[in-house]
Amino acid sequence: MHKQILITVDSHYVPDRSSPTQSYFLFSYSIRIHNDSKSPIILIGRYWHITDGSGISEDVYGPGVVGKKPTIEPNSFFEYTSFCPLRTPVGFMEGSYRVLNKEGKEFSVKIKKFRLLASQVLN
């Protein structure tokens, strides 16, 4: 079933809310979770493994996403935008979502590694 849950990510540097001189780089990331299965799912939790450009990593666990535990109907999607601060102008995020199907079975959906890049600062 987890192969029928498709996740796409789009990340951006947020220069007006960053302070490179203080080693504070803010990134936004927008995620679309598409349920291509025949059953509704509920997104109940998230896990992120965040690594900055120095190789320092942090693990973040939490319920739902952006304060919600959305139900995603078959052939529909849920989108949200969140933020990630880093101490370096480049980093990576990867992780997984915990999902519950209508039978009450929990499973994980992997979020492939994606890059956070403040290219304006690196030029």
PDB file of N, CA and C in Angstrom:
ATOM      1  N   MET A   1       0.817  -1.206   0.000  1.00  0.00           N
ATOM      2  CA  MET A   1       0.000   0.000   0.000  1.00  0.00           C
ATOM      3  C   MET A   1       0.854   1.262   0.000  1.00  0.00           C
ATOM      4  N   HIS A   2       1.996   1.212   0.732  1.00  0.00           N
ATOM      5  CA  HIS A   2       2.797   2.434   0.836  1.00  0.00           C
ATOM      6  C   HIS A   2       3.366   2.879  -0.507  1.00  0.00           C
ATOM      7  N   LYS A   3       3.431   1.992  -1.481  1.00  0.00           N
ATOM      8  CA  LYS A   3       3.883   2.374  -2.823  1.00  0.00           C
ATOM      9  C   LYS A   3       2.828   3.235  -3.526  1.00  0.00           C
ATOM     10  N   GLN A   4       1.620   3.235  -3.012  1.00  0.00           N
ATOM     11  CA  GLN A   4       0.529   4.013  -3.606  1.00  0.00           C
ATOM     12  C   GLN A   4       0.366   5.389  -2.938  1.00  0.00           C
ATOM     13  N   ILE A   5       1.265   5.704  -2.017  1.00  0.00           N
ATOM     14  CA  ILE A   5       1.280   7.021  -1.392  1.00  0.00           C
ATOM     15  C   ILE A   5       2.484   7.749  -1.984  1.00  0.00           C
ATOM     16  N   LEU A   6       2.223   8.796  -2.760  1.00  0.00           N
ATOM     17  CA  LEU A   6       3.280   9.507  -3.481  1.00  0.00           C
ATOM     18  C   LEU A   6       3.549  10.847  -2.806  1.00  0.00           C
ATOM     19  N   ILE A   7       4.839  11.110  -2.559  1.00  0.00           N
ATOM     20  CA  ILE A   7       5.226  12.334  -1.872  1.00  0.00           C
ATOM     21  C   ILE A   7       6.147  13.149  -2.766  1.00  0.00           C
ATOM     22  N   THR A   8       5.788  14.421  -2.972  1.00  0.00           N
ATOM     23  CA  THR A   8       6.657  15.329  -3.708  1.00  0.00           C
ATOM     24  C   THR A   8       7.000  16.510  -2.800  1.00  0.00           C
ATOM     25  N   VAL A   9       8.224  17.018  -2.966  1.00  0.00           N
ATOM     26  CA  VAL A   9       8.734  18.085  -2.109  1.00  0.00           C
ATOM     27  C   VAL A   9       9.315  19.198  -2.965  1.00  0.00           C
ATOM     28  N   ASP A  10       9.070  20.430  -2.555  1.00  0.00           N
ATOM     29  CA  ASP A  10       9.650  21.601  -3.194  1.00  0.00           C
ATOM     30  C   ASP A  10      10.201  22.486  -2.078  1.00  0.00           C
ATOM     31  N   SER A  11      11.518  22.747  -2.086  1.00  0.00           N
ATOM     32  CA  SER A  11      12.123  23.537  -1.008  1.00  0.00           C
ATOM     33  C   SER A  11      12.676  24.858  -1.547  1.00  0.00           C
ATOM     34  N   HIS A  12      12.681  25.861  -0.667  1.00  0.00           N
ATOM     35  CA  HIS A  12      13.154  27.205  -1.032  1.00  0.00           C
ATOM     36  C   HIS A  12      13.852  27.861   0.150  1.00  0.00           C
ATOM     37  N   TYR A  13      14.856  28.645  -0.149  1.00  0.00           N
ATOM     38  CA  TYR A  13      15.517  29.485   0.841  1.00  0.00           C
ATOM     39  C   TYR A  13      14.645  30.726   1.067  1.00  0.00           C
ATOM     40  N   VAL A  14      14.550  31.180   2.325  1.00  0.00           N
ATOM     41  CA  VAL A  14      13.739  32.347   2.666  1.00  0.00           C
ATOM     42  C   VAL A  14      14.691  33.465   3.130  1.00  0.00           C
ATOM     43  N   PRO A  15      15.232  34.256   2.189  1.00  0.00           N
ATOM     44  CA  PRO A  15      16.254  35.247   2.549  1.00  0.00           C
ATOM     45  C   PRO A  15      15.772  36.344   3.492  1.00  0.00           C
ATOM     46  N   ASP A  16      14.511  36.779   3.368  1.00  0.00           N
ATOM     47  CA  ASP A  16      14.033  37.874   4.215  1.00  0.00           C
ATOM     48  C   ASP A  16      13.784  37.457   5.668  1.00  0.00           C
ATOM     49  N   ARG A  17      13.856  36.151   5.938  1.00  0.00           N
ATOM     50  CA  ARG A  17      13.715  35.676   7.323  1.00  0.00           C
ATOM     51  C   ARG A  17      14.977  34.956   7.802  1.00  0.00           C
ATOM     52  N   SER A  18      16.082  35.188   7.062  1.00  0.00           N
ATOM     53  CA  SER A  18      17.366  34.571   7.401  1.00  0.00           C
ATOM     54  C   SER A  18      18.368  35.653   7.800  1.00  0.00           C
ATOM     55  N   SER A  19      19.436  35.227   8.462  1.00  0.00           N
ATOM     56  CA  SER A  19      20.512  36.137   8.854  1.00  0.00           C
ATOM     57  C   SER A  19      21.855  35.426   8.684  1.00  0.00           C
ATOM     58  N   PRO A  20      22.392  35.438   7.458  1.00  0.00           N
ATOM     59  CA  PRO A  20      23.652  34.733   7.197  1.00  0.00           C
ATOM     60  C   PRO A  20      24.796  35.150   8.120  1.00  0.00           C
ATOM     61  N   THR A  21      24.860  36.424   8.509  1.00  0.00           N
ATOM     62  CA  THR A  21      25.949  36.863   9.395  1.00  0.00           C
ATOM     63  C   THR A  21      25.849  36.226  10.777  1.00  0.00           C
ATOM     64  N   GLN A  22      24.646  35.768  11.141  1.00  0.00           N
ATOM     65  CA  GLN A  22      24.458  35.079  12.422  1.00  0.00           C
ATOM     66  C   GLN A  22      24.293  33.575  12.233  1.00  0.00           C
ATOM     67  N   SER A  23      24.680  33.078  11.048  1.00  0.00           N
ATOM     68  CA  SER A  23      24.567  31.650  10.715  1.00  0.00           C
ATOM     69  C   SER A  23      23.155  31.116  10.929  1.00  0.00           C
ATOM     70  N   TYR A  24      22.173  31.890  10.452  1.00  0.00           N
ATOM     71  CA  TYR A  24      20.773  31.469  10.533  1.00  0.00           C
ATOM     72  C   TYR A  24      20.184  31.527   9.132  1.00  0.00           C
ATOM     73  N   PHE A  25      19.868  30.348   8.608  1.00  0.00           N
ATOM     74  CA  PHE A  25      19.326  30.210   7.261  1.00  0.00           C
ATOM     75  C   PHE A  25      17.977  29.504   7.374  1.00  0.00           C
ATOM     76  N   LEU A  26      16.922  30.178   6.923  1.00  0.00           N
ATOM     77  CA  LEU A  26      15.587  29.590   7.016  1.00  0.00           C
ATOM     78  C   LEU A  26      15.150  29.083   5.648  1.00  0.00           C
ATOM     79  N   PHE A  27      14.629  27.871   5.638  1.00  0.00           N
ATOM     80  CA  PHE A  27      14.150  27.237   4.413  1.00  0.00           C
ATOM     81  C   PHE A  27      12.680  26.893   4.578  1.00  0.00           C
ATOM     82  N   SER A  28      11.927  27.023   3.503  1.00  0.00           N
ATOM     83  CA  SER A  28      10.551  26.528   3.488  1.00  0.00           C
ATOM     84  C   SER A  28      10.536  25.275   2.621  1.00  0.00           C
ATOM     85  N   TYR A  29       9.636  24.384   2.948  1.00  0.00           N
ATOM     86  CA  TYR A  29       9.441  23.211   2.091  1.00  0.00           C
ATOM     87  C   TYR A  29       7.940  22.938   2.004  1.00  0.00           C
ATOM     88  N   SER A  30       7.517  22.707   0.779  1.00  0.00           N
ATOM     89  CA  SER A  30       6.113  22.386   0.527  1.00  0.00           C
ATOM     90  C   SER A  30       6.030  20.924   0.133  1.00  0.00           C
ATOM     91  N   ILE A  31       5.086  20.239   0.737  1.00  0.00           N
ATOM     92  CA  ILE A  31       4.942  18.799   0.511  1.00  0.00           C
ATOM     93  C   ILE A  31       3.532  18.490   0.033  1.00  0.00           C
ATOM     94  N   ARG A  32       3.467  17.618  -0.955  1.00  0.00           N
ATOM     95  CA  ARG A  32       2.175  17.108  -1.436  1.00  0.00           C
ATOM     96  C   ARG A  32       2.193  15.597  -1.205  1.00  0.00           C
ATOM     97  N   ILE A  33       1.184  15.134  -0.484  1.00  0.00           N
ATOM     98  CA  ILE A  33       1.017  13.703  -0.206  1.00  0.00           C
ATOM     99  C   ILE A  33      -0.199  13.254  -1.001  1.00  0.00           C
ATOM    100  N   HIS A  34       0.035  12.426  -1.997  1.00  0.00           N
ATOM    101  CA  HIS A  34      -1.055  11.968  -2.872  1.00  0.00           C
ATOM    102  C   HIS A  34      -1.386  10.524  -2.545  1.00  0.00           C
ATOM    103  N   ASN A  35      -2.650  10.266  -2.261  1.00  0.00           N
ATOM    104  CA  ASN A  35      -3.118   8.909  -1.960  1.00  0.00           C
ATOM    105  C   ASN A  35      -3.647   8.287  -3.255  1.00  0.00           C
ATOM    106  N   ASP A  36      -2.838   7.432  -3.843  1.00  0.00           N
ATOM    107  CA  ASP A  36      -3.207   6.783  -5.097  1.00  0.00           C
ATOM    108  C   ASP A  36      -3.799   5.393  -4.848  1.00  0.00           C
ATOM    109  N   SER A  37      -4.179   5.123  -3.580  1.00  0.00           N
ATOM    110  CA  SER A  37      -4.760   3.818  -3.249  1.00  0.00           C
ATOM    111  C   SER A  37      -6.281   3.888  -3.361  1.00  0.00           C
ATOM    112  N   LYS A  38      -6.935   2.786  -3.016  1.00  0.00           N
ATOM    113  CA  LYS A  38      -8.391   2.723  -3.091  1.00  0.00           C
ATOM    114  C   LYS A  38      -9.058   2.982  -1.739  1.00  0.00           C
ATOM    115  N   SER A  39      -8.246   3.286  -0.713  1.00  0.00           N
ATOM    116  CA  SER A  39      -8.775   3.495   0.635  1.00  0.00           C
ATOM    117  C   SER A  39      -8.285   4.803   1.221  1.00  0.00           C
ATOM    118  N   PRO A  40      -9.086   5.417   2.095  1.00  0.00           N
ATOM    119  CA  PRO A  40      -8.610   6.628   2.767  1.00  0.00           C
ATOM    120  C   PRO A  40      -7.477   6.297   3.741  1.00  0.00           C
ATOM    121  N   ILE A  41      -6.621   7.267   3.997  1.00  0.00           N
ATOM    122  CA  ILE A  41      -5.548   7.116   4.979  1.00  0.00           C
ATOM    123  C   ILE A  41      -5.569   8.333   5.899  1.00  0.00           C
ATOM    124  N   ILE A  42      -5.027   8.154   7.094  1.00  0.00           N
ATOM    125  CA  ILE A  42      -4.885   9.252   8.038  1.00  0.00           C
ATOM    126  C   ILE A  42      -3.402   9.403   8.346  1.00  0.00           C
ATOM    127  N   LEU A  43      -2.881  10.601   8.167  1.00  0.00           N
ATOM    128  CA  LEU A  43      -1.487  10.879   8.486  1.00  0.00           C
ATOM    129  C   LEU A  43      -1.416  11.167   9.984  1.00  0.00           C
ATOM    130  N   ILE A  44      -0.782  10.278  10.745  1.00  0.00           N
ATOM    131  CA  ILE A  44      -0.811  10.414  12.203  1.00  0.00           C
ATOM    132  C   ILE A  44       0.504  10.892  12.811  1.00  0.00           C
ATOM    133  N   GLY A  45       1.602  10.814  12.059  1.00  0.00           N
ATOM    134  CA  GLY A  45       2.875  11.239  12.638  1.00  0.00           C
ATOM    135  C   GLY A  45       3.934  11.476  11.586  1.00  0.00           C
ATOM    136  N   ARG A  46       5.020  12.118  12.030  1.00  0.00           N
ATOM    137  CA  ARG A  46       6.117  12.411  11.118  1.00  0.00           C
ATOM    138  C   ARG A  46       7.446  12.183  11.817  1.00  0.00           C
ATOM    139  N   TYR A  47       8.444  11.903  11.015  1.00  0.00           N
ATOM    140  CA  TYR A  47       9.830  11.793  11.477  1.00  0.00           C
ATOM    141  C   TYR A  47      10.709  12.490  10.445  1.00  0.00           C
ATOM    142  N   TRP A  48      11.594  13.372  10.908  1.00  0.00           N
ATOM    143  CA  TRP A  48      12.551  14.036  10.035  1.00  0.00           C
ATOM    144  C   TRP A  48      13.961  13.789  10.540  1.00  0.00           C
ATOM    145  N   HIS A  49      14.861  13.505   9.609  1.00  0.00           N
ATOM    146  CA  HIS A  49      16.296  13.461   9.880  1.00  0.00           C
ATOM    147  C   HIS A  49      16.876  14.637   9.103  1.00  0.00           C
ATOM    148  N   ILE A  50      17.349  15.642   9.829  1.00  0.00           N
ATOM    149  CA  ILE A  50      17.828  16.892   9.231  1.00  0.00           C
ATOM    150  C   ILE A  50      19.339  16.974   9.430  1.00  0.00           C
ATOM    151  N   THR A  51      20.064  17.232   8.348  1.00  0.00           N
ATOM    152  CA  THR A  51      21.518  17.332   8.411  1.00  0.00           C
ATOM    153  C   THR A  51      21.947  18.656   7.799  1.00  0.00           C
ATOM    154  N   ASP A  52      22.775  19.424   8.535  1.00  0.00           N
ATOM    155  CA  ASP A  52      23.244  20.686   7.972  1.00  0.00           C
ATOM    156  C   ASP A  52      24.544  20.463   7.194  1.00  0.00           C
ATOM    157  N   GLY A  53      25.073  21.539   6.612  1.00  0.00           N
ATOM    158  CA  GLY A  53      26.265  21.437   5.773  1.00  0.00           C
ATOM    159  C   GLY A  53      27.528  21.055   6.522  1.00  0.00           C
ATOM    160  N   SER A  54      27.507  21.122   7.857  1.00  0.00           N
ATOM    161  CA  SER A  54      28.651  20.708   8.680  1.00  0.00           C
ATOM    162  C   SER A  54      28.574  19.234   9.061  1.00  0.00           C
ATOM    163  N   GLY A  55      27.478  18.583   8.666  1.00  0.00           N
ATOM    164  CA  GLY A  55      27.294  17.175   9.013  1.00  0.00           C
ATOM    165  C   GLY A  55      26.595  16.965  10.342  1.00  0.00           C
ATOM    166  N   ILE A  56      26.188  18.042  10.999  1.00  0.00           N
ATOM    167  CA  ILE A  56      25.463  17.922  12.269  1.00  0.00           C
ATOM    168  C   ILE A  56      24.015  17.574  11.951  1.00  0.00           C
ATOM    169  N   SER A  57      23.516  16.532  12.620  1.00  0.00           N
ATOM    170  CA  SER A  57      22.150  16.098  12.314  1.00  0.00           C
ATOM    171  C   SER A  57      21.262  16.142  13.550  1.00  0.00           C
ATOM    172  N   GLU A  58      19.971  16.165  13.265  1.00  0.00           N
ATOM    173  CA  GLU A  58      18.950  16.222  14.309  1.00  0.00           C
ATOM    174  C   GLU A  58      17.776  15.370  13.851  1.00  0.00           C
ATOM    175  N   ASP A  59      17.174  14.657  14.778  1.00  0.00           N
ATOM    176  CA  ASP A  59      15.975  13.873  14.497  1.00  0.00           C
ATOM    177  C   ASP A  59      14.784  14.550  15.152  1.00  0.00           C
ATOM    178  N   VAL A  60      13.705  14.705  14.379  1.00  0.00           N
ATOM    179  CA  VAL A  60      12.500  15.363  14.869  1.00  0.00           C
ATOM    180  C   VAL A  60      11.306  14.421  14.676  1.00  0.00           C
ATOM    181  N   TYR A  61      10.587  14.169  15.747  1.00  0.00           N
ATOM    182  CA  TYR A  61       9.383  13.339  15.713  1.00  0.00           C
ATOM    183  C   TYR A  61       8.208  14.193  16.162  1.00  0.00           C
ATOM    184  N   GLY A  62       7.030  13.917  15.614  1.00  0.00           N
ATOM    185  CA  GLY A  62       5.866  14.655  16.074  1.00  0.00           C
ATOM    186  C   GLY A  62       4.579  14.070  15.543  1.00  0.00           C
ATOM    187  N   PRO A  63       3.461  14.471  16.163  1.00  0.00           N
ATOM    188  CA  PRO A  63       2.156  14.016  15.681  1.00  0.00           C
ATOM    189  C   PRO A  63       1.748  14.795  14.438  1.00  0.00           C
ATOM    190  N   GLY A  64       1.162  14.125  13.482  1.00  0.00           N
ATOM    191  CA  GLY A  64       0.622  14.783  12.291  1.00  0.00           C
ATOM    192  C   GLY A  64       1.609  15.689  11.593  1.00  0.00           C
ATOM    193  N   VAL A  65       1.075  16.695  10.911  1.00  0.00           N
ATOM    194  CA  VAL A  65       1.883  17.717  10.249  1.00  0.00           C
ATOM    195  C   VAL A  65       1.179  19.059  10.414  1.00  0.00           C
ATOM    196  N   VAL A  66       1.933  20.105  10.632  1.00  0.00           N
ATOM    197  CA  VAL A  66       1.421  21.474  10.832  1.00  0.00           C
ATOM    198  C   VAL A  66       0.154  21.510  11.711  1.00  0.00           C
ATOM    199  N   GLY A  67       0.198  20.766  12.808  1.00  0.00           N
ATOM    200  CA  GLY A  67      -0.917  20.776  13.745  1.00  0.00           C
ATOM    201  C   GLY A  67      -2.151  20.004  13.314  1.00  0.00           C
ATOM    202  N   LYS A  68      -2.039  19.220  12.255  1.00  0.00           N
ATOM    203  CA  LYS A  68      -3.189  18.465  11.737  1.00  0.00           C
ATOM    204  C   LYS A  68      -2.849  16.989  11.593  1.00  0.00           C
ATOM    205  N   LYS A  69      -3.896  16.175  11.624  1.00  0.00           N
ATOM    206  CA  LYS A  69      -3.791  14.752  11.292  1.00  0.00           C
ATOM    207  C   LYS A  69      -4.802  14.509  10.174  1.00  0.00           C
ATOM    208  N   PRO A  70      -4.423  14.908   8.957  1.00  0.00           N
ATOM    209  CA  PRO A  70      -5.390  14.897   7.858  1.00  0.00           C
ATOM    210  C   PRO A  70      -5.772  13.502   7.380  1.00  0.00           C
ATOM    211  N   THR A  71      -7.040  13.376   7.005  1.00  0.00           N
ATOM    212  CA  THR A  71      -7.504  12.192   6.288  1.00  0.00           C
ATOM    213  C   THR A  71      -7.372  12.506   4.803  1.00  0.00           C
ATOM    214  N   ILE A  72      -6.719  11.605   4.081  1.00  0.00           N
ATOM    215  CA  ILE A  72      -6.529  11.804   2.643  1.00  0.00           C
ATOM    216  C   ILE A  72      -7.328  10.732   1.924  1.00  0.00           C
ATOM    217  N   GLU A  73      -8.343  11.162   1.224  1.00  0.00           N
ATOM    218  CA  GLU A  73      -9.234  10.241   0.520  1.00  0.00           C
ATOM    219  C   GLU A  73      -8.527   9.620  -0.684  1.00  0.00           C
ATOM    220  N   PRO A  74      -9.058   8.493  -1.202  1.00  0.00           N
ATOM    221  CA  PRO A  74      -8.473   7.878  -2.400  1.00  0.00           C
ATOM    222  C   PRO A  74      -8.435   8.874  -3.564  1.00  0.00           C
ATOM    223  N   ASN A  75      -7.351   8.806  -4.307  1.00  0.00           N
ATOM    224  CA  ASN A  75      -7.151   9.668  -5.477  1.00  0.00           C
ATOM    225  C   ASN A  75      -7.250  11.151  -5.163  1.00  0.00           C
ATOM    226  N   SER A  76      -6.858  11.539  -3.961  1.00  0.00           N
ATOM    227  CA  SER A  76      -6.780  12.957  -3.625  1.00  0.00           C
ATOM    228  C   SER A  76      -5.456  13.207  -2.901  1.00  0.00           C
ATOM    229  N   PHE A  77      -5.233  14.443  -2.486  1.00  0.00           N
ATOM    230  CA  PHE A  77      -3.953  14.778  -1.885  1.00  0.00           C
ATOM    231  C   PHE A  77      -4.125  15.789  -0.762  1.00  0.00           C
ATOM    232  N   PHE A  78      -3.067  15.906   0.036  1.00  0.00           N
ATOM    233  CA  PHE A  78      -2.972  16.916   1.079  1.00  0.00           C
ATOM    234  C   PHE A  78      -1.656  17.643   0.867  1.00  0.00           C
ATOM    235  N   GLU A  79      -1.702  18.971   0.915  1.00  0.00           N
ATOM    236  CA  GLU A  79      -0.499  19.778   0.748  1.00  0.00           C
ATOM    237  C   GLU A  79      -0.304  20.655   1.974  1.00  0.00           C
ATOM    238  N   TYR A  80       0.965  20.882   2.329  1.00  0.00           N
ATOM    239  CA  TYR A  80       1.269  21.822   3.396  1.00  0.00           C
ATOM    240  C   TYR A  80       2.661  22.390   3.188  1.00  0.00           C
ATOM    241  N   THR A  81       2.906  23.509   3.863  1.00  0.00           N
ATOM    242  CA  THR A  81       4.220  24.141   3.835  1.00  0.00           C
ATOM    243  C   THR A  81       4.699  24.312   5.264  1.00  0.00           C
ATOM    244  N   SER A  82       5.974  24.024   5.486  1.00  0.00           N
ATOM    245  CA  SER A  82       6.568  24.205   6.797  1.00  0.00           C
ATOM    246  C   SER A  82       7.968  24.794   6.611  1.00  0.00           C
ATOM    247  N   PHE A  83       8.692  24.919   7.709  1.00  0.00           N
ATOM    248  CA  PHE A  83       9.997  25.586   7.674  1.00  0.00           C
ATOM    249  C   PHE A  83      11.051  24.785   8.412  1.00  0.00           C
ATOM    250  N   CYS A  84      12.305  25.024   8.032  1.00  0.00           N
ATOM    251  CA  CYS A  84      13.436  24.378   8.690  1.00  0.00           C
ATOM    252  C   CYS A  84      14.583  25.381   8.786  1.00  0.00           C
ATOM    253  N   PRO A  85      14.995  25.755  10.009  1.00  0.00           N
ATOM    254  CA  PRO A  85      16.162  26.623  10.154  1.00  0.00           C
ATOM    255  C   PRO A  85      17.438  25.780  10.206  1.00  0.00           C
ATOM    256  N   LEU A  86      18.495  26.286   9.583  1.00  0.00           N
ATOM    257  CA  LEU A  86      19.808  25.635   9.638  1.00  0.00           C
ATOM    258  C   LEU A  86      20.867  26.669  10.008  1.00  0.00           C
ATOM    259  N   ARG A  87      22.024  26.157  10.463  1.00  0.00           N
ATOM    260  CA  ARG A  87      23.171  27.035  10.750  1.00  0.00           C
ATOM    261  C   ARG A  87      24.080  27.197   9.536  1.00  0.00           C
ATOM    262  N   THR A  88      23.773  26.462   8.466  1.00  0.00           N
ATOM    263  CA  THR A  88      24.597  26.514   7.253  1.00  0.00           C
ATOM    264  C   THR A  88      23.688  26.775   6.046  1.00  0.00           C
ATOM    265  N   PRO A  89      24.270  27.290   4.934  1.00  0.00           N
ATOM    266  CA  PRO A  89      23.449  27.598   3.758  1.00  0.00           C
ATOM    267  C   PRO A  89      23.066  26.383   2.919  1.00  0.00           C
ATOM    268  N   VAL A  90      23.435  25.212   3.383  1.00  0.00           N
ATOM    269  CA  VAL A  90      23.062  23.990   2.668  1.00  0.00           C
ATOM    270  C   VAL A  90      22.785  22.890   3.694  1.00  0.00           C
ATOM    271  N   GLY A  91      21.849  22.016   3.352  1.00  0.00           N
ATOM    272  CA  GLY A  91      21.535  20.900   4.227  1.00  0.00           C
ATOM    273  C   GLY A  91      20.606  19.932   3.521  1.00  0.00           C
ATOM    274  N   PHE A  92      20.209  18.904   4.256  1.00  0.00           N
ATOM    275  CA  PHE A  92      19.345  17.871   3.691  1.00  0.00           C
ATOM    276  C   PHE A  92      18.307  17.457   4.720  1.00  0.00           C
ATOM    277  N   MET A  93      17.159  17.048   4.209  1.00  0.00           N
ATOM    278  CA  MET A  93      16.112  16.472   5.046  1.00  0.00           C
ATOM    279  C   MET A  93      15.639  15.169   4.410  1.00  0.00           C
ATOM    280  N   GLU A  94      15.286  14.223   5.240  1.00  0.00           N
ATOM    281  CA  GLU A  94      14.647  12.976   4.810  1.00  0.00           C
ATOM    282  C   GLU A  94      13.884  12.448   6.004  1.00  0.00           C
ATOM    283  N   GLY A  95      12.987  11.510   5.761  1.00  0.00           N
ATOM    284  CA  GLY A  95      12.239  10.983   6.888  1.00  0.00           C
ATOM    285  C   GLY A  95      11.112  10.074   6.474  1.00  0.00           C
ATOM    286  N   SER A  96      10.038  10.117   7.265  1.00  0.00           N
ATOM    287  CA  SER A  96       8.893   9.258   6.963  1.00  0.00           C
ATOM    288  C   SER A  96       7.647   9.796   7.653  1.00  0.00           C
ATOM    289  N   TYR A  97       6.520   9.367   7.128  1.00  0.00           N
ATOM    290  CA  TYR A  97       5.222   9.643   7.738  1.00  0.00           C
ATOM    291  C   TYR A  97       4.670   8.339   8.277  1.00  0.00           C
ATOM    292  N   ARG A  98       3.992   8.423   9.434  1.00  0.00           N
ATOM    293  CA  ARG A  98       3.234   7.288   9.967  1.00  0.00           C
ATOM    294  C   ARG A  98       1.805   7.486   9.499  1.00  0.00           C
ATOM    295  N   VAL A  99       1.268   6.443   8.891  1.00  0.00           N
ATOM    296  CA  VAL A  99      -0.055   6.514   8.279  1.00  0.00           C
ATOM    297  C   VAL A  99      -0.904   5.372   8.811  1.00  0.00           C
ATOM    298  N   LEU A 100      -2.199   5.635   8.947  1.00  0.00           N
ATOM    299  CA  LEU A 100      -3.160   4.644   9.410  1.00  0.00           C
ATOM    300  C   LEU A 100      -4.165   4.421   8.291  1.00  0.00           C
ATOM    301  N   ASN A 101      -4.393   3.134   7.929  1.00  0.00           N
ATOM    302  CA  ASN A 101      -5.395   2.871   6.889  1.00  0.00           C
ATOM    303  C   ASN A 101      -6.749   2.584   7.536  1.00  0.00           C
ATOM    304  N   LYS A 102      -7.775   2.384   6.717  1.00  0.00           N
ATOM    305  CA  LYS A 102      -9.136   2.237   7.263  1.00  0.00           C
ATOM    306  C   LYS A 102      -9.310   0.949   8.069  1.00  0.00           C
ATOM    307  N   GLU A 103      -8.409  -0.023   7.871  1.00  0.00           N
ATOM    308  CA  GLU A 103      -8.463  -1.259   8.661  1.00  0.00           C
ATOM    309  C   GLU A 103      -7.784  -1.088  10.022  1.00  0.00           C
ATOM    310  N   GLY A 104      -7.213   0.097  10.262  1.00  0.00           N
ATOM    311  CA  GLY A 104      -6.536   0.346  11.535  1.00  0.00           C
ATOM    312  C   GLY A 104      -5.080  -0.071  11.546  1.00  0.00           C
ATOM    313  N   LYS A 105      -4.530  -0.424  10.382  1.00  0.00           N
ATOM    314  CA  LYS A 105      -3.128  -0.838  10.307  1.00  0.00           C
ATOM    315  C   LYS A 105      -2.241   0.381  10.076  1.00  0.00           C
ATOM    316  N   GLU A 106      -1.173   0.487  10.892  1.00  0.00           N
ATOM    317  CA  GLU A 106      -0.197   1.574  10.744  1.00  0.00           C
ATOM    318  C   GLU A 106       0.930   1.138   9.828  1.00  0.00           C
ATOM    319  N   PHE A 107       1.434   2.067   9.037  1.00  0.00           N
ATOM    320  CA  PHE A 107       2.619   1.794   8.229  1.00  0.00           C
ATOM    321  C   PHE A 107       3.374   3.093   7.988  1.00  0.00           C
ATOM    322  N   SER A 108       4.620   2.953   7.555  1.00  0.00           N
ATOM    323  CA  SER A 108       5.474   4.109   7.281  1.00  0.00           C
ATOM    324  C   SER A 108       5.560   4.363   5.791  1.00  0.00           C
ATOM    325  N   VAL A 109       5.627   5.651   5.433  1.00  0.00           N
ATOM    326  CA  VAL A 109       5.846   6.054   4.050  1.00  0.00           C
ATOM    327  C   VAL A 109       7.124   6.881   4.049  1.00  0.00           C
ATOM    328  N   LYS A 110       8.110   6.431   3.309  1.00  0.00           N
ATOM    329  CA  LYS A 110       9.420   7.090   3.272  1.00  0.00           C
ATOM    330  C   LYS A 110       9.351   8.415   2.510  1.00  0.00           C
ATOM    331  N   ILE A 111      10.054   9.406   3.035  1.00  0.00           N
ATOM    332  CA  ILE A 111      10.231  10.692   2.357  1.00  0.00           C
ATOM    333  C   ILE A 111      11.687  10.717   1.901  1.00  0.00           C
ATOM    334  N   LYS A 112      11.904  10.702   0.603  1.00  0.00           N
ATOM    335  CA  LYS A 112      13.265  10.674   0.065  1.00  0.00           C
ATOM    336  C   LYS A 112      14.031  11.937   0.450  1.00  0.00           C
ATOM    337  N   LYS A 113      15.341  11.786   0.538  1.00  0.00           N
ATOM    338  CA  LYS A 113      16.208  12.906   0.881  1.00  0.00           C
ATOM    339  C   LYS A 113      16.056  14.044  -0.129  1.00  0.00           C
ATOM    340  N   PHE A 114      15.939  15.266   0.395  1.00  0.00           N
ATOM    341  CA  PHE A 114      15.915  16.448  -0.471  1.00  0.00           C
ATOM    342  C   PHE A 114      16.845  17.505   0.104  1.00  0.00           C
ATOM    343  N   ARG A 115      17.295  18.394  -0.776  1.00  0.00           N
ATOM    344  CA  ARG A 115      18.309  19.379  -0.419  1.00  0.00           C
ATOM    345  C   ARG A 115      17.674  20.722  -0.054  1.00  0.00           C
ATOM    346  N   LEU A 116      18.270  21.363   0.930  1.00  0.00           N
ATOM    347  CA  LEU A 116      17.961  22.736   1.304  1.00  0.00           C
ATOM    348  C   LEU A 116      19.169  23.547   0.881  1.00  0.00           C
ATOM    349  N   LEU A 117      18.974  24.532   0.026  1.00  0.00           N
ATOM    350  CA  LEU A 117      20.119  25.242  -0.551  1.00  0.00           C
ATOM    351  C   LEU A 117      19.843  26.737  -0.666  1.00  0.00           C
ATOM    352  N   ALA A 118      20.707  27.524  -0.035  1.00  0.00           N
ATOM    353  CA  ALA A 118      20.645  28.980  -0.147  1.00  0.00           C
ATOM    354  C   ALA A 118      21.667  29.403  -1.195  1.00  0.00           C
ATOM    355  N   SER A 119      21.355  29.163  -2.456  1.00  0.00           N
ATOM    356  CA  SER A 119      22.320  29.399  -3.546  1.00  0.00           C
ATOM    357  C   SER A 119      22.726  30.873  -3.625  1.00  0.00           C
ATOM    358  N   GLN A 120      21.829  31.797  -3.248  1.00  0.00           N
ATOM    359  CA  GLN A 120      22.141  33.227  -3.285  1.00  0.00           C
ATOM    360  C   GLN A 120      23.330  33.556  -2.365  1.00  0.00           C
ATOM    361  N   VAL A 121      23.430  32.848  -1.250  1.00  0.00           N
ATOM    362  CA  VAL A 121      24.483  33.100  -0.275  1.00  0.00           C
ATOM    363  C   VAL A 121      25.799  32.473  -0.720  1.00  0.00           C
ATOM    364  N   LEU A 122      25.717  31.393  -1.466  1.00  0.00           N
ATOM    365  CA  LEU A 122      26.917  30.664  -1.881  1.00  0.00           C
ATOM    366  C   LEU A 122      27.593  31.252  -3.104  1.00  0.00           C
ATOM    367  N   ASN A 123      26.918  32.134  -3.823  1.00  0.00           N
ATOM    368  CA  ASN A 123      27.510  32.723  -5.029  1.00  0.00           C
ATOM    369  C   ASN A 123      28.516  33.799  -4.684  1.00  0.00           C
TER     370      ASN A 123
END
